C-alpha atoms as a PDB file:
ATOM      1  CA  MET A   1      -0.028   0.010   0.024  1.00  0.00           C
ATOM      2  CA  ARG A   2       1.202   3.478  -0.740  1.00  0.00           C
ATOM      3  CA  LEU A   3       1.431   6.182   1.902  1.00  0.00           C
ATOM      4  CA  GLU A   4      -0.739   8.526  -0.136  1.00  0.00           C
ATOM      5  CA  GLU A   5      -3.516   5.927  -0.034  1.00  0.00           C
ATOM      6  CA  THR A   6      -3.737   6.200   3.833  1.00  0.00           C
ATOM      7  CA  LEU A   7      -4.224   9.905   3.900  1.00  0.00           C
ATOM      8  CA  GLY A   8      -7.385  10.640   5.874  1.00  0.00           C
ATOM      9  CA  SER A   9      -7.186   7.074   7.438  1.00  0.00           C
ATOM     10  CA  GLU A  10      -6.439   5.857  10.959  1.00  0.00           C
ATOM     11  CA  VAL A  11      -2.810   4.567  11.062  1.00  0.00           C
ATOM     12  CA  ASN A  12      -0.500   3.162  13.729  1.00  0.00           C
ATOM     13  CA  VAL A  13       3.136   4.495  13.625  1.00  0.00           C
ATOM     14  CA  THR A  14       5.965   2.868  15.385  1.00  0.00           C
ATOM     15  CA  LEU A  15       9.144   4.787  16.126  1.00  0.00           C
ATOM     16  CA  LYS A  16      12.853   3.698  16.637  1.00  0.00           C
ATOM     17  CA  GLY A  17      12.519   3.991  20.451  1.00  0.00           C
ATOM     18  CA  GLY A  18       9.541   1.733  20.468  1.00  0.00           C
ATOM     19  CA  GLU A  19       6.884   4.360  20.963  1.00  0.00           C
ATOM     20  CA  MET A  20       3.714   3.998  19.088  1.00  0.00           C
ATOM     21  CA  TYR A  21       1.208   6.685  18.023  1.00  0.00           C
ATOM     22  CA  ASP A  22      -2.315   6.274  16.638  1.00  0.00           C
ATOM     23  CA  GLY A  23      -4.224   8.842  14.602  1.00  0.00           C
ATOM     24  CA  ILE A  24      -5.505   9.965  11.322  1.00  0.00           C
ATOM     25  CA  LEU A  25      -2.757  10.665   8.832  1.00  0.00           C
ATOM     26  CA  ALA A  26      -3.354  14.274   7.897  1.00  0.00           C
ATOM     27  CA  GLY A  27      -0.246  14.791   5.850  1.00  0.00           C
ATOM     28  CA  TYR A  28       3.385  13.912   5.043  1.00  0.00           C
ATOM     29  CA  ASP A  29       6.235  15.140   3.044  1.00  0.00           C
ATOM     30  CA  GLN A  30       9.147  13.874   0.805  1.00  0.00           C
ATOM     31  CA  HIS A  31      11.185  13.254   4.044  1.00  0.00           C
ATOM     32  CA  MET A  32       8.330  11.127   5.472  1.00  0.00           C
ATOM     33  CA  ASN A  33       7.620  13.593   8.196  1.00  0.00           C
ATOM     34  CA  LEU A  34       4.070  12.790   9.312  1.00  0.00           C
ATOM     35  CA  VAL A  35       1.252  14.831  10.720  1.00  0.00           C
ATOM     36  CA  LEU A  36      -1.244  12.809  12.809  1.00  0.00           C
ATOM     37  CA  GLU A  37      -4.599  14.103  14.170  1.00  0.00           C
ATOM     38  CA  ASN A  38      -6.231  12.513  17.185  1.00  0.00           C
ATOM     39  CA  GLY A  39      -9.145  14.474  18.330  1.00  0.00           C
ATOM     40  CA  ASP A  40      -7.953  17.968  19.416  1.00  0.00           C
ATOM     41  CA  ASN A  41      -4.360  16.878  19.353  1.00  0.00           C
ATOM     42  CA  VAL A  42      -2.004  17.137  16.383  1.00  0.00           C
ATOM     43  CA  THR A  43       1.333  15.251  16.465  1.00  0.00           C
ATOM     44  CA  ILE A  44       4.106  15.963  14.073  1.00  0.00           C
ATOM     45  CA  ILE A  45       6.666  13.032  13.682  1.00  0.00           C
ATOM     46  CA  ARG A  46      10.145  13.346  12.014  1.00  0.00           C
ATOM     47  CA  GLY A  47      10.559  10.832   9.234  1.00  0.00           C
ATOM     48  CA  ASP A  48      14.018   9.701  10.343  1.00  0.00           C
ATOM     49  CA  ASN A  49      12.463   8.185  13.506  1.00  0.00           C
ATOM     50  CA  VAL A  50       9.673   6.134  11.788  1.00  0.00           C
ATOM     51  CA  VAL A  51      10.113   2.403  11.795  1.00  0.00           C
ATOM     52  CA  SER A  52       6.733   1.379  10.406  1.00  0.00           C
ATOM     53  CA  ILE A  53       3.269   2.717   9.512  1.00  0.00           C
ATOM     54  CA  GLN A  54       0.447   0.396   9.502  1.00  0.00           C
ATOM     55  CA  PRO A  55      -3.136   1.092   8.407  1.00  0.00           C
END
């Protein structure tokens, strides 16, 4: 599955340190920096920390 196909969908992101984030994928860029929305919260994740993204 391509990353652009998950825009607007719920995703689970795992980071290098083992942390996990859930939310709606609101955006990303060419460096795979991610923007996740979860209710009133917006989380920005640097792409170099991402291990996996699962729908």
